[in-house]
Amino acid sequence: MLEISLLGEIRVAFDSAVVVGLRSPRVTARLGFLLAHRDAPQRRDYVAAQFWPDSRQAQARTNLRLQSCSSGSWTCPASSATPGPS
């Protein structure tokens, strides 16, 4: 079962195992946004515009992608992850 707490201590757990990686307030804000709008899929362009309203569409999408994959964020797709040492 997925458990998410965004008030007080930020905590995300799956089957009682705490998910690590919620270091950024922006990641937490995006998670909250997506949870609040979970009844329907959200287009990347729309989500990017909500977090970077003063940027052009292409730049806002780039910001969303870079923020999602920076600093080992849990939202980074596996294909974008930097491989570790062999």
Foldseek 3Di string as FASTA:
>chain_A
DWDADLPDDGWIDDPNHTDDAPPDPVVSVLVVVCVVVVVDDDDLLVSLCVVCVPDDSVVSSVVVQCVCPPPNHPSHDPVPDDDDDD
